[in-house]
Amino acid sequence: MLSVGGALFTLIGSAGVAKLGDFCKRLHGPTQVTTLGVGCVLLASMLWFGLTGTQGLHALRITAVLFASRTPVLVHLPIRAAMQLDVSLKLLPPPQ
Protein backbone atom coordinates (compact mmCIF):
# COMPACT_ATOMS: atom_id res chain seq x y z
CA MET A 1 0.00 0.00 0.00
CA LEU A 2 2.82 2.41 0.80
CA SER A 3 4.50 1.88 -2.55
CA VAL A 4 1.23 2.45 -4.44
CA GLY A 5 0.48 5.55 -2.36
CA GLY A 6 4.01 6.81 -2.88
CA ALA A 7 3.75 6.27 -6.61
CA LEU A 8 0.46 8.21 -6.70
CA PHE A 9 1.94 11.10 -4.70
CA THR A 10 4.94 11.20 -7.03
CA LEU A 11 2.67 11.18 -10.09
CA ILE A 12 0.55 14.02 -8.67
CA GLY A 13 3.67 16.07 -7.91
CA SER A 14 5.04 15.52 -11.39
CA ALA A 15 1.73 16.51 -12.95
CA GLY A 16 1.78 19.67 -10.83
CA VAL A 17 5.05 20.69 -12.46
CA ALA A 18 3.49 20.37 -15.89
CA LYS A 19 0.09 21.92 -15.14
CA LEU A 20 0.71 24.82 -12.76
CA GLY A 21 1.38 28.13 -14.45
CA ASP A 22 3.49 30.27 -12.13
CA PHE A 23 7.16 29.55 -11.38
CA CYS A 24 6.61 29.61 -7.63
CA LYS A 25 3.60 27.32 -7.90
CA ARG A 26 5.59 24.88 -10.01
CA LEU A 27 8.15 24.48 -7.24
CA HIS A 28 5.48 23.43 -4.75
CA GLY A 29 4.70 20.14 -6.53
CA PRO A 30 8.13 18.56 -6.50
CA THR A 31 9.12 19.85 -3.10
CA GLN A 32 6.10 18.82 -1.08
CA VAL A 33 4.16 16.08 -2.81
CA THR A 34 7.00 14.29 -4.56
CA THR A 35 9.11 14.23 -1.41
CA LEU A 36 6.20 12.60 0.42
CA GLY A 37 5.79 10.10 -2.42
CA VAL A 38 9.45 9.11 -2.48
CA GLY A 39 9.41 8.90 1.32
CA CYS A 40 6.48 6.48 1.18
CA VAL A 41 8.26 4.31 -1.39
CA LEU A 42 11.41 4.25 0.74
CA LEU A 43 9.37 3.44 3.86
CA ALA A 44 7.79 0.54 1.99
CA SER A 45 11.29 -0.62 1.02
CA MET A 46 12.42 -0.45 4.65
CA LEU A 47 9.43 -2.49 5.77
CA TRP A 48 9.92 -5.04 2.98
CA PHE A 49 13.60 -5.71 3.64
CA GLY A 50 13.44 -5.14 7.38
CA LEU A 51 15.28 -2.58 9.44
CA THR A 52 17.97 -5.06 10.54
CA GLY A 53 19.15 -5.97 7.04
CA THR A 54 21.59 -3.92 5.02
CA GLN A 55 19.01 -2.90 2.41
CA GLY A 56 16.70 -1.55 5.11
CA LEU A 57 19.53 0.52 6.55
CA HIS A 58 20.39 1.87 3.10
CA ALA A 59 16.77 2.91 2.58
CA LEU A 60 16.78 4.59 6.00
CA ARG A 61 19.92 6.55 5.08
CA ILE A 62 18.43 7.58 1.74
CA THR A 63 15.27 8.76 3.50
CA ALA A 64 17.28 10.82 6.00
CA VAL A 65 19.30 12.50 3.24
CA LEU A 66 16.16 13.09 1.19
CA PHE A 67 14.27 14.87 3.94
CA ALA A 68 17.32 16.78 5.18
CA SER A 69 18.65 18.11 1.90
CA ARG A 70 16.38 17.71 -1.10
CA THR A 71 13.46 19.95 -0.20
CA PRO A 72 15.40 22.94 1.20
CA VAL A 73 17.90 22.99 -1.66
CA LEU A 74 15.27 22.43 -4.33
CA VAL A 75 13.22 25.38 -3.12
CA HIS A 76 15.84 27.81 -1.89
CA LEU A 77 18.20 28.12 -4.85
CA PRO A 78 15.68 28.62 -7.70
CA ILE A 79 13.57 31.06 -5.68
CA ARG A 80 16.62 33.15 -4.76
CA ALA A 81 17.70 33.23 -8.41
CA ALA A 82 14.18 34.17 -9.52
CA MET A 83 14.01 36.95 -6.93
CA GLN A 84 17.23 38.46 -8.28
CA LEU A 85 16.01 38.29 -11.88
CA ASP A 86 12.38 39.38 -11.42
CA VAL A 87 11.32 42.34 -9.31
CA SER A 88 7.73 41.06 -8.95
CA LEU A 89 8.91 38.09 -6.87
CA LYS A 90 10.72 40.18 -4.25
CA LEU A 91 9.17 40.39 -0.83
CA LEU A 92 7.61 43.72 -0.02
CA PRO A 93 8.05 45.30 3.40
CA PRO A 94 5.02 44.92 5.67
CA PRO A 95 2.57 47.85 5.67
CA GLN A 96 2.77 50.22 8.63
PDB file of N, CA and C in Angstrom:
ATOM      1  N   MET A   1       0.817  -1.200   0.000  1.00  0.00           N
ATOM      2  CA  MET A   1       0.000   0.000   0.000  1.00  0.00           C
ATOM      3  C   MET A   1       0.859   1.262   0.000  1.00  0.00           C
ATOM      4  N   LEU A   2       1.961   1.226   0.763  1.00  0.00           N
ATOM      5  CA  LEU A   2       2.816   2.410   0.802  1.00  0.00           C
ATOM      6  C   LEU A   2       3.458   2.689  -0.547  1.00  0.00           C
ATOM      7  N   SER A   3       3.857   1.655  -1.249  1.00  0.00           N
ATOM      8  CA  SER A   3       4.496   1.875  -2.550  1.00  0.00           C
ATOM      9  C   SER A   3       3.492   2.418  -3.571  1.00  0.00           C
ATOM     10  N   VAL A   4       2.250   1.936  -3.536  1.00  0.00           N
ATOM     11  CA  VAL A   4       1.226   2.447  -4.445  1.00  0.00           C
ATOM     12  C   VAL A   4       0.887   3.896  -4.086  1.00  0.00           C
ATOM     13  N   GLY A   5       0.746   4.177  -2.795  1.00  0.00           N
ATOM     14  CA  GLY A   5       0.483   5.552  -2.364  1.00  0.00           C
ATOM     15  C   GLY A   5       1.631   6.482  -2.706  1.00  0.00           C
ATOM     16  N   GLY A   6       2.854   6.002  -2.525  1.00  0.00           N
ATOM     17  CA  GLY A   6       4.012   6.810  -2.884  1.00  0.00           C
ATOM     18  C   GLY A   6       4.080   7.082  -4.370  1.00  0.00           C
ATOM     19  N   ALA A   7       3.752   6.079  -5.164  1.00  0.00           N
ATOM     20  CA  ALA A   7       3.748   6.275  -6.614  1.00  0.00           C
ATOM     21  C   ALA A   7       2.679   7.281  -7.027  1.00  0.00           C
ATOM     22  N   LEU A   8       1.513   7.242  -6.378  1.00  0.00           N
ATOM     23  CA  LEU A   8       0.460   8.212  -6.696  1.00  0.00           C
ATOM     24  C   LEU A   8       0.869   9.630  -6.289  1.00  0.00           C
ATOM     25  N   PHE A   9       1.472   9.780  -5.111  1.00  0.00           N
ATOM     26  CA  PHE A   9       1.942  11.100  -4.697  1.00  0.00           C
ATOM     27  C   PHE A   9       2.989  11.638  -5.668  1.00  0.00           C
ATOM     28  N   THR A  10       3.898  10.783  -6.101  1.00  0.00           N
ATOM     29  CA  THR A  10       4.936  11.204  -7.033  1.00  0.00           C
ATOM     30  C   THR A  10       4.330  11.591  -8.369  1.00  0.00           C
ATOM     31  N   LEU A  11       3.342  10.855  -8.829  1.00  0.00           N
ATOM     32  CA  LEU A  11       2.668  11.183 -10.086  1.00  0.00           C
ATOM     33  C   LEU A  11       1.935  12.516  -9.978  1.00  0.00           C
ATOM     34  N   ILE A  12       1.266  12.759  -8.866  1.00  0.00           N
ATOM     35  CA  ILE A  12       0.551  14.017  -8.668  1.00  0.00           C
ATOM     36  C   ILE A  12       1.534  15.190  -8.632  1.00  0.00           C
ATOM     37  N   GLY A  13       2.663  15.018  -7.951  1.00  0.00           N
ATOM     38  CA  GLY A  13       3.671  16.074  -7.906  1.00  0.00           C
ATOM     39  C   GLY A  13       4.267  16.361  -9.259  1.00  0.00           C
ATOM     40  N   SER A  14       4.494  15.320 -10.050  1.00  0.00           N
ATOM     41  CA  SER A  14       5.038  15.516 -11.390  1.00  0.00           C
ATOM     42  C   SER A  14       4.022  16.185 -12.305  1.00  0.00           C
ATOM     43  N   ALA A  15       2.763  15.845 -12.159  1.00  0.00           N
ATOM     44  CA  ALA A  15       1.725  16.505 -12.952  1.00  0.00           C
ATOM     45  C   ALA A  15       1.590  17.972 -12.556  1.00  0.00           C
ATOM     46  N   GLY A  16       1.827  18.277 -11.279  1.00  0.00           N
ATOM     47  CA  GLY A  16       1.779  19.667 -10.835  1.00  0.00           C
ATOM     48  C   GLY A  16       2.836  20.520 -11.493  1.00  0.00           C
ATOM     49  N   VAL A  17       3.997  19.952 -11.763  1.00  0.00           N
ATOM     50  CA  VAL A  17       5.054  20.692 -12.455  1.00  0.00           C
ATOM     51  C   VAL A  17       4.609  21.039 -13.869  1.00  0.00           C
ATOM     52  N   ALA A  18       3.911  20.139 -14.513  1.00  0.00           N
ATOM     53  CA  ALA A  18       3.493  20.367 -15.891  1.00  0.00           C
ATOM     54  C   ALA A  18       2.268  21.279 -15.987  1.00  0.00           C
ATOM     55  N   LYS A  19       1.368  21.223 -15.016  1.00  0.00           N
ATOM     56  CA  LYS A  19       0.090  21.918 -15.136  1.00  0.00           C
ATOM     57  C   LYS A  19       0.065  23.319 -14.517  1.00  0.00           C
ATOM     58  N   LEU A  20       0.789  23.530 -13.431  1.00  0.00           N
ATOM     59  CA  LEU A  20       0.714  24.821 -12.759  1.00  0.00           C
ATOM     60  C   LEU A  20       1.427  25.885 -13.578  1.00  0.00           C
ATOM     61  N   GLY A  21       0.892  27.109 -13.554  1.00  0.00           N
ATOM     62  CA  GLY A  21       1.382  28.132 -14.450  1.00  0.00           C
ATOM     63  C   GLY A  21       2.532  28.971 -13.928  1.00  0.00           C
ATOM     64  N   ASP A  22       2.499  29.361 -12.691  1.00  0.00           N
ATOM     65  CA  ASP A  22       3.489  30.274 -12.135  1.00  0.00           C
ATOM     66  C   ASP A  22       4.745  29.506 -11.712  1.00  0.00           C
ATOM     67  N   PHE A  23       5.889  30.183 -11.765  1.00  0.00           N
ATOM     68  CA  PHE A  23       7.156  29.547 -11.383  1.00  0.00           C
ATOM     69  C   PHE A  23       7.142  29.103  -9.927  1.00  0.00           C
ATOM     70  N   CYS A  24       6.648  29.957  -9.060  1.00  0.00           N
ATOM     71  CA  CYS A  24       6.611  29.608  -7.627  1.00  0.00           C
ATOM     72  C   CYS A  24       5.650  28.461  -7.355  1.00  0.00           C
ATOM     73  N   LYS A  25       4.548  28.423  -8.067  1.00  0.00           N
ATOM     74  CA  LYS A  25       3.601  27.317  -7.905  1.00  0.00           C
ATOM     75  C   LYS A  25       4.192  26.006  -8.414  1.00  0.00           C
ATOM     76  N   ARG A  26       4.983  26.089  -9.466  1.00  0.00           N
ATOM     77  CA  ARG A  26       5.594  24.877 -10.015  1.00  0.00           C
ATOM     78  C   ARG A  26       6.598  24.258  -9.063  1.00  0.00           C
ATOM     79  N   LEU A  27       7.202  25.040  -8.202  1.00  0.00           N
ATOM     80  CA  LEU A  27       8.148  24.484  -7.238  1.00  0.00           C
ATOM     81  C   LEU A  27       7.452  23.745  -6.107  1.00  0.00           C
ATOM     82  N   HIS A  28       6.188  24.056  -5.867  1.00  0.00           N
ATOM     83  CA  HIS A  28       5.482  23.430  -4.755  1.00  0.00           C
ATOM     84  C   HIS A  28       5.245  21.942  -4.992  1.00  0.00           C
ATOM     85  N   GLY A  29       4.957  21.552  -6.228  1.00  0.00           N
ATOM     86  CA  GLY A  29       4.695  20.142  -6.531  1.00  0.00           C
ATOM     87  C   GLY A  29       5.857  19.225  -6.220  1.00  0.00           C
ATOM     88  N   PRO A  30       7.032  19.486  -6.780  1.00  0.00           N
ATOM     89  CA  PRO A  30       8.125  18.558  -6.501  1.00  0.00           C
ATOM     90  C   PRO A  30       8.649  18.623  -5.077  1.00  0.00           C
ATOM     91  N   THR A  31       8.541  19.763  -4.429  1.00  0.00           N
ATOM     92  CA  THR A  31       9.119  19.851  -3.095  1.00  0.00           C
ATOM     93  C   THR A  31       8.243  19.201  -2.041  1.00  0.00           C
ATOM     94  N   GLN A  32       6.965  19.345  -2.130  1.00  0.00           N
ATOM     95  CA  GLN A  32       6.099  18.819  -1.076  1.00  0.00           C
ATOM     96  C   GLN A  32       5.582  17.425  -1.409  1.00  0.00           C
ATOM     97  N   VAL A  33       4.864  17.320  -2.501  1.00  0.00           N
ATOM     98  CA  VAL A  33       4.155  16.081  -2.808  1.00  0.00           C
ATOM     99  C   VAL A  33       5.117  14.978  -3.244  1.00  0.00           C
ATOM    100  N   THR A  34       6.079  15.316  -4.076  1.00  0.00           N
ATOM    101  CA  THR A  34       6.998  14.290  -4.564  1.00  0.00           C
ATOM    102  C   THR A  34       7.899  13.786  -3.448  1.00  0.00           C
ATOM    103  N   THR A  35       8.305  14.665  -2.549  1.00  0.00           N
ATOM    104  CA  THR A  35       9.105  14.226  -1.410  1.00  0.00           C
ATOM    105  C   THR A  35       8.319  13.252  -0.543  1.00  0.00           C
ATOM    106  N   LEU A  36       7.046  13.521  -0.338  1.00  0.00           N
ATOM    107  CA  LEU A  36       6.202  12.600   0.417  1.00  0.00           C
ATOM    108  C   LEU A  36       6.054  11.274  -0.324  1.00  0.00           C
ATOM    109  N   GLY A  37       5.910  11.324  -1.638  1.00  0.00           N
ATOM    110  CA  GLY A  37       5.788  10.100  -2.424  1.00  0.00           C
ATOM    111  C   GLY A  37       7.037   9.243  -2.369  1.00  0.00           C
ATOM    112  N   VAL A  38       8.200   9.867  -2.539  1.00  0.00           N
ATOM    113  CA  VAL A  38       9.452   9.107  -2.480  1.00  0.00           C
ATOM    114  C   VAL A  38       9.681   8.585  -1.063  1.00  0.00           C
ATOM    115  N   GLY A  39       9.299   9.367  -0.067  1.00  0.00           N
ATOM    116  CA  GLY A  39       9.408   8.902   1.318  1.00  0.00           C
ATOM    117  C   GLY A  39       8.542   7.681   1.582  1.00  0.00           C
ATOM    118  N   CYS A  40       7.348   7.648   1.010  1.00  0.00           N
ATOM    119  CA  CYS A  40       6.475   6.479   1.176  1.00  0.00           C
ATOM    120  C   CYS A  40       7.068   5.254   0.489  1.00  0.00           C
ATOM    121  N   VAL A  41       7.641   5.430  -0.691  1.00  0.00           N
ATOM    122  CA  VAL A  41       8.258   4.310  -1.392  1.00  0.00           C
ATOM    123  C   VAL A  41       9.453   3.789  -0.598  1.00  0.00           C
ATOM    124  N   LEU A  42      10.267   4.686  -0.047  1.00  0.00           N
ATOM    125  CA  LEU A  42      11.414   4.247   0.744  1.00  0.00           C
ATOM    126  C   LEU A  42      10.979   3.591   2.048  1.00  0.00           C
ATOM    127  N   LEU A  43       9.904   4.073   2.651  1.00  0.00           N
ATOM    128  CA  LEU A  43       9.374   3.439   3.857  1.00  0.00           C
ATOM    129  C   LEU A  43       8.865   2.037   3.546  1.00  0.00           C
ATOM    130  N   ALA A  44       8.226   1.873   2.403  1.00  0.00           N
ATOM    131  CA  ALA A  44       7.789   0.535   1.990  1.00  0.00           C
ATOM    132  C   ALA A  44       8.991  -0.373   1.773  1.00  0.00           C
ATOM    133  N   SER A  45      10.069   0.169   1.213  1.00  0.00           N
ATOM    134  CA  SER A  45      11.288  -0.618   1.017  1.00  0.00           C
ATOM    135  C   SER A  45      11.891  -1.031   2.356  1.00  0.00           C
ATOM    136  N   MET A  46      11.889  -0.108   3.321  1.00  0.00           N
ATOM    137  CA  MET A  46      12.417  -0.450   4.647  1.00  0.00           C
ATOM    138  C   MET A  46      11.599  -1.547   5.300  1.00  0.00           C
ATOM    139  N   LEU A  47      10.280  -1.464   5.176  1.00  0.00           N
ATOM    140  CA  LEU A  47       9.430  -2.494   5.773  1.00  0.00           C
ATOM    141  C   LEU A  47       9.585  -3.828   5.052  1.00  0.00           C
ATOM    142  N   TRP A  48       9.783  -3.807   3.744  1.00  0.00           N
ATOM    143  CA  TRP A  48       9.919  -5.044   2.984  1.00  0.00           C
ATOM    144  C   TRP A  48      11.214  -5.781   3.338  1.00  0.00           C
ATOM    145  N   PHE A  49      12.317  -5.059   3.369  1.00  0.00           N
ATOM    146  CA  PHE A  49      13.601  -5.708   3.635  1.00  0.00           C
ATOM    147  C   PHE A  49      13.922  -5.807   5.118  1.00  0.00           C
ATOM    148  N   GLY A  50      13.198  -5.104   5.946  1.00  0.00           N
ATOM    149  CA  GLY A  50      13.436  -5.137   7.381  1.00  0.00           C
ATOM    150  C   GLY A  50      14.502  -4.140   7.794  1.00  0.00           C
ATOM    151  N   LEU A  51      14.351  -3.594   8.967  1.00  0.00           N
ATOM    152  CA  LEU A  51      15.284  -2.579   9.444  1.00  0.00           C
ATOM    153  C   LEU A  51      16.627  -3.165   9.870  1.00  0.00           C
ATOM    154  N   THR A  52      16.706  -4.474  10.096  1.00  0.00           N
ATOM    155  CA  THR A  52      17.973  -5.056  10.538  1.00  0.00           C
ATOM    156  C   THR A  52      18.880  -5.450   9.379  1.00  0.00           C
ATOM    157  N   GLY A  53      18.334  -5.602   8.191  1.00  0.00           N
ATOM    158  CA  GLY A  53      19.153  -5.967   7.037  1.00  0.00           C
ATOM    159  C   GLY A  53      19.868  -4.757   6.461  1.00  0.00           C
ATOM    160  N   THR A  54      20.808  -5.019   5.587  1.00  0.00           N
ATOM    161  CA  THR A  54      21.588  -3.916   5.020  1.00  0.00           C
ATOM    162  C   THR A  54      20.758  -3.071   4.061  1.00  0.00           C
ATOM    163  N   GLN A  55      19.832  -3.679   3.327  1.00  0.00           N
ATOM    164  CA  GLN A  55      19.011  -2.904   2.413  1.00  0.00           C
ATOM    165  C   GLN A  55      18.077  -1.966   3.173  1.00  0.00           C
ATOM    166  N   GLY A  56      17.552  -2.414   4.292  1.00  0.00           N
ATOM    167  CA  GLY A  56      16.703  -1.554   5.114  1.00  0.00           C
ATOM    168  C   GLY A  56      17.461  -0.362   5.661  1.00  0.00           C
ATOM    169  N   LEU A  57      18.712  -0.590   6.054  1.00  0.00           N
ATOM    170  CA  LEU A  57      19.526   0.524   6.550  1.00  0.00           C
ATOM    171  C   LEU A  57      19.876   1.491   5.436  1.00  0.00           C
ATOM    172  N   HIS A  58      20.115   0.987   4.240  1.00  0.00           N
ATOM    173  CA  HIS A  58      20.389   1.871   3.100  1.00  0.00           C
ATOM    174  C   HIS A  58      19.171   2.736   2.789  1.00  0.00           C
ATOM    175  N   ALA A  59      17.988   2.146   2.828  1.00  0.00           N
ATOM    176  CA  ALA A  59      16.772   2.912   2.580  1.00  0.00           C
ATOM    177  C   ALA A  59      16.558   3.956   3.670  1.00  0.00           C
ATOM    178  N   LEU A  60      16.892   3.618   4.909  1.00  0.00           N
ATOM    179  CA  LEU A  60      16.778   4.591   6.000  1.00  0.00           C
ATOM    180  C   LEU A  60      17.734   5.761   5.793  1.00  0.00           C
ATOM    181  N   ARG A  61      18.947   5.479   5.356  1.00  0.00           N
ATOM    182  CA  ARG A  61      19.921   6.554   5.079  1.00  0.00           C
ATOM    183  C   ARG A  61      19.457   7.431   3.918  1.00  0.00           C
ATOM    184  N   ILE A  62      18.935   6.811   2.877  1.00  0.00           N
ATOM    185  CA  ILE A  62      18.433   7.579   1.738  1.00  0.00           C
ATOM    186  C   ILE A  62      17.283   8.476   2.165  1.00  0.00           C
ATOM    187  N   THR A  63      16.390   7.964   3.013  1.00  0.00           N
ATOM    188  CA  THR A  63      15.270   8.758   3.502  1.00  0.00           C
ATOM    189  C   THR A  63      15.759   9.944   4.323  1.00  0.00           C
ATOM    190  N   ALA A  64      16.747   9.723   5.178  1.00  0.00           N
ATOM    191  CA  ALA A  64      17.279  10.816   5.997  1.00  0.00           C
ATOM    192  C   ALA A  64      17.909  11.900   5.130  1.00  0.00           C
ATOM    193  N   VAL A  65      18.683  11.513   4.133  1.00  0.00           N
ATOM    194  CA  VAL A  65      19.299  12.495   3.240  1.00  0.00           C
ATOM    195  C   VAL A  65      18.236  13.213   2.416  1.00  0.00           C
ATOM    196  N   LEU A  66      17.228  12.489   1.984  1.00  0.00           N
ATOM    197  CA  LEU A  66      16.159  13.086   1.187  1.00  0.00           C
ATOM    198  C   LEU A  66      15.446  14.184   1.955  1.00  0.00           C
ATOM    199  N   PHE A  67      15.027  13.888   3.178  1.00  0.00           N
ATOM    200  CA  PHE A  67      14.272  14.875   3.936  1.00  0.00           C
ATOM    201  C   PHE A  67      15.145  15.988   4.502  1.00  0.00           C
ATOM    202  N   ALA A  68      16.439  15.748   4.645  1.00  0.00           N
ATOM    203  CA  ALA A  68      17.323  16.783   5.181  1.00  0.00           C
ATOM    204  C   ALA A  68      17.829  17.740   4.111  1.00  0.00           C
ATOM    205  N   SER A  69      17.994  17.255   2.888  1.00  0.00           N
ATOM    206  CA  SER A  69      18.651  18.111   1.904  1.00  0.00           C
ATOM    207  C   SER A  69      17.833  18.423   0.661  1.00  0.00           C
ATOM    208  N   ARG A  70      17.018  17.520   0.204  1.00  0.00           N
ATOM    209  CA  ARG A  70      16.380  17.710  -1.097  1.00  0.00           C
ATOM    210  C   ARG A  70      15.405  18.877  -1.108  1.00  0.00           C
ATOM    211  N   THR A  71      14.483  18.916  -0.193  1.00  0.00           N
ATOM    212  CA  THR A  71      13.464  19.950  -0.200  1.00  0.00           C
ATOM    213  C   THR A  71      14.031  21.346   0.028  1.00  0.00           C
ATOM    214  N   PRO A  72      14.888  21.576   1.031  1.00  0.00           N
ATOM    215  CA  PRO A  72      15.398  22.943   1.201  1.00  0.00           C
ATOM    216  C   PRO A  72      16.223  23.433   0.019  1.00  0.00           C
ATOM    217  N   VAL A  73      17.055  22.577  -0.536  1.00  0.00           N
ATOM    218  CA  VAL A  73      17.898  22.995  -1.660  1.00  0.00           C
ATOM    219  C   VAL A  73      17.056  23.213  -2.904  1.00  0.00           C
ATOM    220  N   LEU A  74      16.099  22.329  -3.132  1.00  0.00           N
ATOM    221  CA  LEU A  74      15.274  22.429  -4.330  1.00  0.00           C
ATOM    222  C   LEU A  74      14.441  23.705  -4.335  1.00  0.00           C
ATOM    223  N   VAL A  75      14.039  24.180  -3.188  1.00  0.00           N
ATOM    224  CA  VAL A  75      13.222  25.384  -3.124  1.00  0.00           C
ATOM    225  C   VAL A  75      14.082  26.638  -3.021  1.00  0.00           C
ATOM    226  N   HIS A  76      15.098  26.601  -2.222  1.00  0.00           N
ATOM    227  CA  HIS A  76      15.843  27.814  -1.885  1.00  0.00           C
ATOM    228  C   HIS A  76      16.590  28.405  -3.079  1.00  0.00           C
ATOM    229  N   LEU A  77      17.356  27.598  -3.780  1.00  0.00           N
ATOM    230  CA  LEU A  77      18.198  28.125  -4.849  1.00  0.00           C
ATOM    231  C   LEU A  77      17.411  28.706  -6.030  1.00  0.00           C
ATOM    232  N   PRO A  78      16.409  28.023  -6.580  1.00  0.00           N
ATOM    233  CA  PRO A  78      15.681  28.624  -7.701  1.00  0.00           C
ATOM    234  C   PRO A  78      14.887  29.869  -7.311  1.00  0.00           C
ATOM    235  N   ILE A  79      14.327  29.879  -6.110  1.00  0.00           N
ATOM    236  CA  ILE A  79      13.575  31.062  -5.682  1.00  0.00           C
ATOM    237  C   ILE A  79      14.495  32.258  -5.504  1.00  0.00           C
ATOM    238  N   ARG A  80      15.670  32.040  -4.924  1.00  0.00           N
ATOM    239  CA  ARG A  80      16.621  33.147  -4.765  1.00  0.00           C
ATOM    240  C   ARG A  80      17.063  33.684  -6.125  1.00  0.00           C
ATOM    241  N   ALA A  81      17.310  32.789  -7.067  1.00  0.00           N
ATOM    242  CA  ALA A  81      17.698  33.234  -8.405  1.00  0.00           C
ATOM    243  C   ALA A  81      16.557  33.978  -9.087  1.00  0.00           C
ATOM    244  N   ALA A  82      15.326  33.501  -8.921  1.00  0.00           N
ATOM    245  CA  ALA A  82      14.177  34.174  -9.521  1.00  0.00           C
ATOM    246  C   ALA A  82      13.944  35.540  -8.887  1.00  0.00           C
ATOM    247  N   MET A  83      14.191  35.655  -7.594  1.00  0.00           N
ATOM    248  CA  MET A  83      14.012  36.950  -6.934  1.00  0.00           C
ATOM    249  C   MET A  83      15.043  37.967  -7.426  1.00  0.00           C
ATOM    250  N   GLN A  84      16.226  37.529  -7.759  1.00  0.00           N
ATOM    251  CA  GLN A  84      17.227  38.458  -8.279  1.00  0.00           C
ATOM    252  C   GLN A  84      16.934  38.857  -9.718  1.00  0.00           C
ATOM    253  N   LEU A  85      16.288  37.990 -10.483  1.00  0.00           N
ATOM    254  CA  LEU A  85      16.008  38.287 -11.880  1.00  0.00           C
ATOM    255  C   LEU A  85      14.688  39.022 -12.090  1.00  0.00           C
ATOM    256  N   ASP A  86      13.710  38.809 -11.231  1.00  0.00           N
ATOM    257  CA  ASP A  86      12.376  39.378 -11.420  1.00  0.00           C
ATOM    258  C   ASP A  86      11.982  40.186 -10.194  1.00  0.00           C
ATOM    259  N   VAL A  87      11.662  41.445 -10.413  1.00  0.00           N
ATOM    260  CA  VAL A  87      11.317  42.336  -9.306  1.00  0.00           C
ATOM    261  C   VAL A  87       9.973  41.958  -8.690  1.00  0.00           C
ATOM    262  N   SER A  88       9.069  41.375  -9.473  1.00  0.00           N
ATOM    263  CA  SER A  88       7.732  41.064  -8.955  1.00  0.00           C
ATOM    264  C   SER A  88       7.751  39.944  -7.923  1.00  0.00           C
ATOM    265  N   LEU A  89       8.829  39.170  -7.839  1.00  0.00           N
ATOM    266  CA  LEU A  89       8.910  38.087  -6.868  1.00  0.00           C
ATOM    267  C   LEU A  89       9.534  38.535  -5.539  1.00  0.00           C
ATOM    268  N   LYS A  90      10.081  39.734  -5.484  1.00  0.00           N
ATOM    269  CA  LYS A  90      10.724  40.183  -4.247  1.00  0.00           C
ATOM    270  C   LYS A  90       9.693  40.454  -3.175  1.00  0.00           C
ATOM    271  N   LEU A  91      10.073  40.173  -1.950  1.00  0.00           N
ATOM    272  CA  LEU A  91       9.169  40.393  -0.826  1.00  0.00           C
ATOM    273  C   LEU A  91       9.054  41.876  -0.540  1.00  0.00           C
ATOM    274  N   LEU A  92       7.833  42.323  -0.352  1.00  0.00           N
ATOM    275  CA  LEU A  92       7.606  43.725  -0.023  1.00  0.00           C
ATOM    276  C   LEU A  92       7.657  43.914   1.484  1.00  0.00           C
ATOM    277  N   PRO A  93       8.062  45.064   1.953  1.00  0.00           N
ATOM    278  CA  PRO A  93       8.045  45.299   3.401  1.00  0.00           C
ATOM    279  C   PRO A  93       6.604  45.335   3.905  1.00  0.00           C
ATOM    280  N   PRO A  94       6.382  44.931   5.144  1.00  0.00           N
ATOM    281  CA  PRO A  94       5.016  44.923   5.669  1.00  0.00           C
ATOM    282  C   PRO A  94       4.471  46.342   5.776  1.00  0.00           C
ATOM    283  N   PRO A  95       3.166  46.512   5.561  1.00  0.00           N
ATOM    284  CA  PRO A  95       2.571  47.850   5.675  1.00  0.00           C
ATOM    285  C   PRO A  95       2.582  48.340   7.128  1.00  0.00           C
ATOM    286  N   GLN A  96       2.714  49.652   7.273  1.00  0.00           N
ATOM    287  CA  GLN A  96       2.771  50.215   8.634  1.00  0.00           C
ATOM    288  C   GLN A  96       1.495  50.885   9.022  1.00  0.00           C
TER     289      GLN A  96
END
